[in-house]
Protein backbone atom coordinates (compact mmCIF):
# COMPACT_ATOMS: atom_id res chain seq x y z
CA UNK A 1 0.00 0.00 0.00
CA UNK A 2 1.43 3.37 -1.00
CA UNK A 3 1.70 6.14 1.58
CA UNK A 4 -0.10 9.36 0.82
CA UNK A 5 1.71 12.65 1.15
CA UNK A 6 0.00 15.24 3.30
CA UNK A 7 0.85 18.92 3.19
CA UNK A 8 0.41 20.99 6.29
CA UNK A 9 1.32 24.45 7.43
CA UNK A 10 4.07 24.62 10.03
CA UNK A 11 4.15 27.96 11.85
CA UNK A 12 7.57 29.61 12.20
CA UNK A 13 9.34 29.22 15.52
CA UNK A 14 9.38 32.22 17.81
CA UNK A 15 12.56 34.13 18.38
CA UNK A 16 13.79 33.98 21.96
CA UNK A 17 14.96 37.37 23.15
CA UNK A 18 17.63 38.12 25.71
CA UNK A 19 16.06 40.21 28.47
CA UNK A 20 18.02 43.39 29.29
CA UNK A 21 18.88 43.89 32.96
CA UNK A 22 16.99 47.20 32.98
CA UNK A 23 13.79 45.44 31.89
CA UNK A 24 14.31 42.68 34.48
CA UNK A 25 14.65 45.27 37.23
CA UNK A 26 11.59 47.23 36.06
CA UNK A 27 9.42 44.11 35.83
CA UNK A 28 10.60 42.88 39.23
CA UNK A 29 9.78 46.17 40.96
CA UNK A 30 6.29 46.47 39.46
CA UNK A 31 5.49 42.83 40.13
CA UNK A 32 6.65 43.09 43.74
CA UNK A 33 4.41 46.10 44.23
CA UNK A 34 1.46 44.16 42.77
CA UNK A 35 2.16 41.20 45.04
CA UNK A 36 2.53 43.23 48.23
CA UNK A 37 -0.47 45.50 47.68
CA UNK A 38 -3.02 43.21 46.00
CA UNK A 39 -2.19 39.52 45.65
CA UNK A 40 -0.95 38.72 49.16
CA UNK A 41 -3.75 40.51 51.04
CA UNK A 42 -6.40 38.85 48.84
CA UNK A 43 -5.06 35.30 48.63
CA UNK A 44 -3.00 34.57 51.75
CA UNK A 45 -5.38 33.63 54.54
CA UNK A 46 -4.83 32.12 58.01
CA UNK A 47 -4.44 28.32 58.11
CA UNK A 48 -7.74 26.45 57.93
CA UNK A 49 -8.96 24.62 61.02
CA UNK A 50 -9.31 21.39 59.03
CA UNK A 51 -5.79 19.96 58.76
CA UNK A 52 -6.36 18.10 55.49
CA UNK A 53 -6.49 21.01 53.02
CA UNK A 54 -3.54 22.83 51.42
CA UNK A 55 -3.28 26.59 51.74
CA UNK A 56 -1.13 29.39 50.32
CA UNK A 57 1.67 30.67 52.55
CA UNK A 58 3.58 32.90 50.08
CA UNK A 59 3.37 34.52 46.64
CA UNK A 60 6.58 35.48 44.84
CA UNK A 61 8.18 35.86 41.40
CA UNK A 62 11.22 34.55 39.60
CA UNK A 63 12.96 34.78 36.24
CA UNK A 64 13.94 31.79 34.12
CA UNK A 65 15.59 32.70 30.81
CA UNK A 66 13.14 35.03 29.04
CA UNK A 67 10.19 34.02 31.24
CA UNK A 68 8.97 35.81 34.35
CA UNK A 69 6.81 33.62 36.60
CA UNK A 70 4.32 34.44 39.34
CA UNK A 71 4.46 31.59 41.85
CA UNK A 72 2.58 30.57 44.95
CA UNK A 73 3.89 28.38 47.73
CA UNK A 74 1.45 26.01 49.42
CA UNK A 75 1.68 24.21 52.73
CA UNK A 76 0.36 20.66 53.07
CA UNK A 77 -0.61 20.07 56.73
CA UNK A 78 -2.27 16.67 56.28
CA UNK A 79 -0.82 13.46 57.72
CA UNK A 80 -0.61 11.76 54.28
CA UNK A 81 1.45 14.47 52.62
CA UNK A 82 4.42 13.74 50.37
CA UNK A 83 6.19 16.97 51.30
CA UNK A 84 5.35 19.84 53.61
CA UNK A 85 5.47 22.54 50.89
CA UNK A 86 5.08 22.74 47.10
CA UNK A 87 5.27 25.46 44.45
CA UNK A 88 2.69 26.28 41.83
CA UNK A 89 3.22 28.73 38.97
CA UNK A 90 0.03 30.52 38.01
CA UNK A 91 1.01 33.27 35.51
CA UNK A 92 3.88 33.80 33.08
CA UNK A 93 5.26 36.77 31.17
CA UNK A 94 7.45 35.99 28.17
CA UNK A 95 9.68 38.78 26.91
CA UNK A 96 8.85 39.38 23.22
CA UNK A 97 11.31 42.21 22.50
CA UNK A 98 10.83 45.99 22.31
CA UNK A 99 9.52 46.13 25.90
CA UNK A 100 6.57 43.89 24.98
CA UNK A 101 5.41 40.69 26.66
CA UNK A 102 3.23 37.65 26.02
CA UNK A 103 0.92 36.80 28.94
CA UNK A 104 -0.02 33.19 29.76
CA UNK A 105 -1.79 31.33 32.54
CA UNK A 106 -1.37 27.78 33.79
CA UNK A 107 -4.31 25.60 32.89
CA UNK A 108 -5.41 22.82 35.24
CA UNK A 109 -3.86 20.32 32.80
CA UNK A 110 -0.38 21.74 33.40
CA UNK A 111 -0.27 23.48 30.02
CA UNK A 112 0.51 27.18 29.54
CA UNK A 113 -2.25 28.99 27.63
CA UNK A 114 -1.18 32.25 26.02
CA UNK A 115 -4.02 34.77 25.93
CA UNK A 116 -2.33 38.09 25.15
CA UNK A 117 0.67 38.71 22.89
CA UNK A 118 2.86 41.74 22.35
CA UNK A 119 1.43 43.88 25.14
CA UNK A 120 3.08 46.47 27.37
CA UNK A 121 4.19 45.67 30.92
CA UNK A 122 1.49 47.78 32.57
CA UNK A 123 -1.18 45.88 30.65
CA UNK A 124 0.36 42.56 31.72
CA UNK A 125 0.15 43.48 35.38
CA UNK A 126 -3.62 43.72 35.09
CA UNK A 127 -3.63 40.04 36.12
CA UNK A 128 -5.29 41.16 39.33
CA UNK A 129 -8.62 41.62 37.49
CA UNK A 130 -8.81 38.31 35.60
CA UNK A 131 -9.52 35.18 37.70
CA UNK A 132 -7.61 32.99 35.21
CA UNK A 133 -4.39 34.47 36.62
CA UNK A 134 -5.22 33.99 40.30
CA UNK A 135 -3.11 31.58 42.38
C-alpha atoms as a PDB file:
ATOM      1  CA  UNK A   1       0.000   0.000   0.000  1.00  0.00           C
ATOM      2  CA  UNK A   2       1.425   3.370  -1.000  1.00  0.00           C
ATOM      3  CA  UNK A   3       1.702   6.142   1.583  1.00  0.00           C
ATOM      4  CA  UNK A   4      -0.101   9.360   0.818  1.00  0.00           C
ATOM      5  CA  UNK A   5       1.706  12.651   1.154  1.00  0.00           C
ATOM      6  CA  UNK A   6      -0.002  15.240   3.299  1.00  0.00           C
ATOM      7  CA  UNK A   7       0.845  18.916   3.191  1.00  0.00           C
ATOM      8  CA  UNK A   8       0.411  20.991   6.289  1.00  0.00           C
ATOM      9  CA  UNK A   9       1.319  24.454   7.435  1.00  0.00           C
ATOM     10  CA  UNK A  10       4.071  24.616  10.033  1.00  0.00           C
ATOM     11  CA  UNK A  11       4.146  27.960  11.854  1.00  0.00           C
ATOM     12  CA  UNK A  12       7.566  29.610  12.197  1.00  0.00           C
ATOM     13  CA  UNK A  13       9.344  29.217  15.519  1.00  0.00           C
ATOM     14  CA  UNK A  14       9.382  32.218  17.813  1.00  0.00           C
ATOM     15  CA  UNK A  15      12.557  34.131  18.377  1.00  0.00           C
ATOM     16  CA  UNK A  16      13.786  33.976  21.957  1.00  0.00           C
ATOM     17  CA  UNK A  17      14.962  37.370  23.148  1.00  0.00           C
ATOM     18  CA  UNK A  18      17.630  38.118  25.705  1.00  0.00           C
ATOM     19  CA  UNK A  19      16.059  40.208  28.468  1.00  0.00           C
ATOM     20  CA  UNK A  20      18.021  43.388  29.287  1.00  0.00           C
ATOM     21  CA  UNK A  21      18.881  43.892  32.962  1.00  0.00           C
ATOM     22  CA  UNK A  22      16.992  47.200  32.982  1.00  0.00           C
ATOM     23  CA  UNK A  23      13.786  45.441  31.891  1.00  0.00           C
ATOM     24  CA  UNK A  24      14.306  42.681  34.484  1.00  0.00           C
ATOM     25  CA  UNK A  25      14.652  45.267  37.230  1.00  0.00           C
ATOM     26  CA  UNK A  26      11.588  47.231  36.064  1.00  0.00           C
ATOM     27  CA  UNK A  27       9.417  44.112  35.826  1.00  0.00           C
ATOM     28  CA  UNK A  28      10.600  42.882  39.231  1.00  0.00           C
ATOM     29  CA  UNK A  29       9.780  46.168  40.964  1.00  0.00           C
ATOM     30  CA  UNK A  30       6.291  46.471  39.462  1.00  0.00           C
ATOM     31  CA  UNK A  31       5.487  42.830  40.126  1.00  0.00           C
ATOM     32  CA  UNK A  32       6.650  43.086  43.741  1.00  0.00           C
ATOM     33  CA  UNK A  33       4.413  46.104  44.231  1.00  0.00           C
ATOM     34  CA  UNK A  34       1.461  44.158  42.774  1.00  0.00           C
ATOM     35  CA  UNK A  35       2.161  41.199  45.040  1.00  0.00           C
ATOM     36  CA  UNK A  36       2.530  43.229  48.233  1.00  0.00           C
ATOM     37  CA  UNK A  37      -0.471  45.504  47.680  1.00  0.00           C
ATOM     38  CA  UNK A  38      -3.015  43.215  46.000  1.00  0.00           C
ATOM     39  CA  UNK A  39      -2.191  39.516  45.650  1.00  0.00           C
ATOM     40  CA  UNK A  40      -0.947  38.721  49.155  1.00  0.00           C
ATOM     41  CA  UNK A  41      -3.751  40.513  51.036  1.00  0.00           C
ATOM     42  CA  UNK A  42      -6.399  38.848  48.840  1.00  0.00           C
ATOM     43  CA  UNK A  43      -5.057  35.298  48.628  1.00  0.00           C
ATOM     44  CA  UNK A  44      -3.004  34.573  51.753  1.00  0.00           C
ATOM     45  CA  UNK A  45      -5.384  33.631  54.540  1.00  0.00           C
ATOM     46  CA  UNK A  46      -4.828  32.122  58.008  1.00  0.00           C
ATOM     47  CA  UNK A  47      -4.436  28.325  58.109  1.00  0.00           C
ATOM     48  CA  UNK A  48      -7.745  26.452  57.933  1.00  0.00           C
ATOM     49  CA  UNK A  49      -8.965  24.616  61.021  1.00  0.00           C
ATOM     50  CA  UNK A  50      -9.312  21.393  59.034  1.00  0.00           C
ATOM     51  CA  UNK A  51      -5.790  19.956  58.759  1.00  0.00           C
ATOM     52  CA  UNK A  52      -6.355  18.097  55.490  1.00  0.00           C
ATOM     53  CA  UNK A  53      -6.493  21.015  53.022  1.00  0.00           C
ATOM     54  CA  UNK A  54      -3.542  22.829  51.417  1.00  0.00           C
ATOM     55  CA  UNK A  55      -3.280  26.586  51.742  1.00  0.00           C
ATOM     56  CA  UNK A  56      -1.127  29.390  50.317  1.00  0.00           C
ATOM     57  CA  UNK A  57       1.673  30.667  52.545  1.00  0.00           C
ATOM     58  CA  UNK A  58       3.583  32.899  50.079  1.00  0.00           C
ATOM     59  CA  UNK A  59       3.365  34.519  46.642  1.00  0.00           C
ATOM     60  CA  UNK A  60       6.578  35.478  44.841  1.00  0.00           C
ATOM     61  CA  UNK A  61       8.177  35.862  41.398  1.00  0.00           C
ATOM     62  CA  UNK A  62      11.220  34.546  39.601  1.00  0.00           C
ATOM     63  CA  UNK A  63      12.965  34.779  36.245  1.00  0.00           C
ATOM     64  CA  UNK A  64      13.939  31.792  34.125  1.00  0.00           C
ATOM     65  CA  UNK A  65      15.595  32.697  30.814  1.00  0.00           C
ATOM     66  CA  UNK A  66      13.142  35.034  29.039  1.00  0.00           C
ATOM     67  CA  UNK A  67      10.192  34.024  31.240  1.00  0.00           C
ATOM     68  CA  UNK A  68       8.967  35.811  34.351  1.00  0.00           C
ATOM     69  CA  UNK A  69       6.808  33.617  36.604  1.00  0.00           C
ATOM     70  CA  UNK A  70       4.316  34.444  39.339  1.00  0.00           C
ATOM     71  CA  UNK A  71       4.461  31.592  41.846  1.00  0.00           C
ATOM     72  CA  UNK A  72       2.582  30.571  44.948  1.00  0.00           C
ATOM     73  CA  UNK A  73       3.893  28.379  47.733  1.00  0.00           C
ATOM     74  CA  UNK A  74       1.450  26.012  49.419  1.00  0.00           C
ATOM     75  CA  UNK A  75       1.678  24.209  52.731  1.00  0.00           C
ATOM     76  CA  UNK A  76       0.359  20.656  53.074  1.00  0.00           C
ATOM     77  CA  UNK A  77      -0.608  20.067  56.728  1.00  0.00           C
ATOM     78  CA  UNK A  78      -2.267  16.671  56.277  1.00  0.00           C
ATOM     79  CA  UNK A  79      -0.819  13.457  57.718  1.00  0.00           C
ATOM     80  CA  UNK A  80      -0.614  11.756  54.283  1.00  0.00           C
ATOM     81  CA  UNK A  81       1.455  14.466  52.618  1.00  0.00           C
ATOM     82  CA  UNK A  82       4.419  13.743  50.368  1.00  0.00           C
ATOM     83  CA  UNK A  83       6.194  16.970  51.300  1.00  0.00           C
ATOM     84  CA  UNK A  84       5.352  19.842  53.611  1.00  0.00           C
ATOM     85  CA  UNK A  85       5.470  22.543  50.887  1.00  0.00           C
ATOM     86  CA  UNK A  86       5.080  22.738  47.104  1.00  0.00           C
ATOM     87  CA  UNK A  87       5.273  25.456  44.454  1.00  0.00           C
ATOM     88  CA  UNK A  88       2.686  26.284  41.829  1.00  0.00           C
ATOM     89  CA  UNK A  89       3.222  28.735  38.970  1.00  0.00           C
ATOM     90  CA  UNK A  90       0.032  30.522  38.006  1.00  0.00           C
ATOM     91  CA  UNK A  91       1.007  33.270  35.508  1.00  0.00           C
ATOM     92  CA  UNK A  92       3.881  33.804  33.079  1.00  0.00           C
ATOM     93  CA  UNK A  93       5.258  36.773  31.166  1.00  0.00           C
ATOM     94  CA  UNK A  94       7.449  35.990  28.173  1.00  0.00           C
ATOM     95  CA  UNK A  95       9.678  38.785  26.911  1.00  0.00           C
ATOM     96  CA  UNK A  96       8.854  39.384  23.222  1.00  0.00           C
ATOM     97  CA  UNK A  97      11.314  42.215  22.498  1.00  0.00           C
ATOM     98  CA  UNK A  98      10.831  45.992  22.308  1.00  0.00           C
ATOM     99  CA  UNK A  99       9.517  46.132  25.901  1.00  0.00           C
ATOM    100  CA  UNK A 100       6.569  43.886  24.979  1.00  0.00           C
ATOM    101  CA  UNK A 101       5.413  40.686  26.655  1.00  0.00           C
ATOM    102  CA  UNK A 102       3.228  37.649  26.025  1.00  0.00           C
ATOM    103  CA  UNK A 103       0.922  36.804  28.941  1.00  0.00           C
ATOM    104  CA  UNK A 104      -0.018  33.193  29.765  1.00  0.00           C
ATOM    105  CA  UNK A 105      -1.788  31.334  32.535  1.00  0.00           C
ATOM    106  CA  UNK A 106      -1.371  27.777  33.791  1.00  0.00           C
ATOM    107  CA  UNK A 107      -4.305  25.604  32.894  1.00  0.00           C
ATOM    108  CA  UNK A 108      -5.410  22.819  35.245  1.00  0.00           C
ATOM    109  CA  UNK A 109      -3.865  20.315  32.805  1.00  0.00           C
ATOM    110  CA  UNK A 110      -0.382  21.743  33.405  1.00  0.00           C
ATOM    111  CA  UNK A 111      -0.274  23.483  30.019  1.00  0.00           C
ATOM    112  CA  UNK A 112       0.507  27.176  29.540  1.00  0.00           C
ATOM    113  CA  UNK A 113      -2.247  28.991  27.625  1.00  0.00           C
ATOM    114  CA  UNK A 114      -1.176  32.254  26.016  1.00  0.00           C
ATOM    115  CA  UNK A 115      -4.017  34.772  25.926  1.00  0.00           C
ATOM    116  CA  UNK A 116      -2.334  38.085  25.152  1.00  0.00           C
ATOM    117  CA  UNK A 117       0.667  38.713  22.891  1.00  0.00           C
ATOM    118  CA  UNK A 118       2.857  41.737  22.349  1.00  0.00           C
ATOM    119  CA  UNK A 119       1.433  43.883  25.139  1.00  0.00           C
ATOM    120  CA  UNK A 120       3.081  46.473  27.373  1.00  0.00           C
ATOM    121  CA  UNK A 121       4.189  45.672  30.920  1.00  0.00           C
ATOM    122  CA  UNK A 122       1.488  47.784  32.574  1.00  0.00           C
ATOM    123  CA  UNK A 123      -1.184  45.880  30.653  1.00  0.00           C
ATOM    124  CA  UNK A 124       0.363  42.555  31.723  1.00  0.00           C
ATOM    125  CA  UNK A 125       0.150  43.483  35.378  1.00  0.00           C
ATOM    126  CA  UNK A 126      -3.616  43.716  35.090  1.00  0.00           C
ATOM    127  CA  UNK A 127      -3.632  40.044  36.116  1.00  0.00           C
ATOM    128  CA  UNK A 128      -5.291  41.159  39.331  1.00  0.00           C
ATOM    129  CA  UNK A 129      -8.621  41.623  37.493  1.00  0.00           C
ATOM    130  CA  UNK A 130      -8.806  38.308  35.598  1.00  0.00           C
ATOM    131  CA  UNK A 131      -9.518  35.176  37.699  1.00  0.00           C
ATOM    132  CA  UNK A 132      -7.606  32.994  35.214  1.00  0.00           C
ATOM    133  CA  UNK A 133      -4.388  34.475  36.623  1.00  0.00           C
ATOM    134  CA  UNK A 134      -5.222  33.986  40.305  1.00  0.00           C
ATOM    135  CA  UNK A 135      -3.114  31.582  42.379  1.00  0.00           C
END
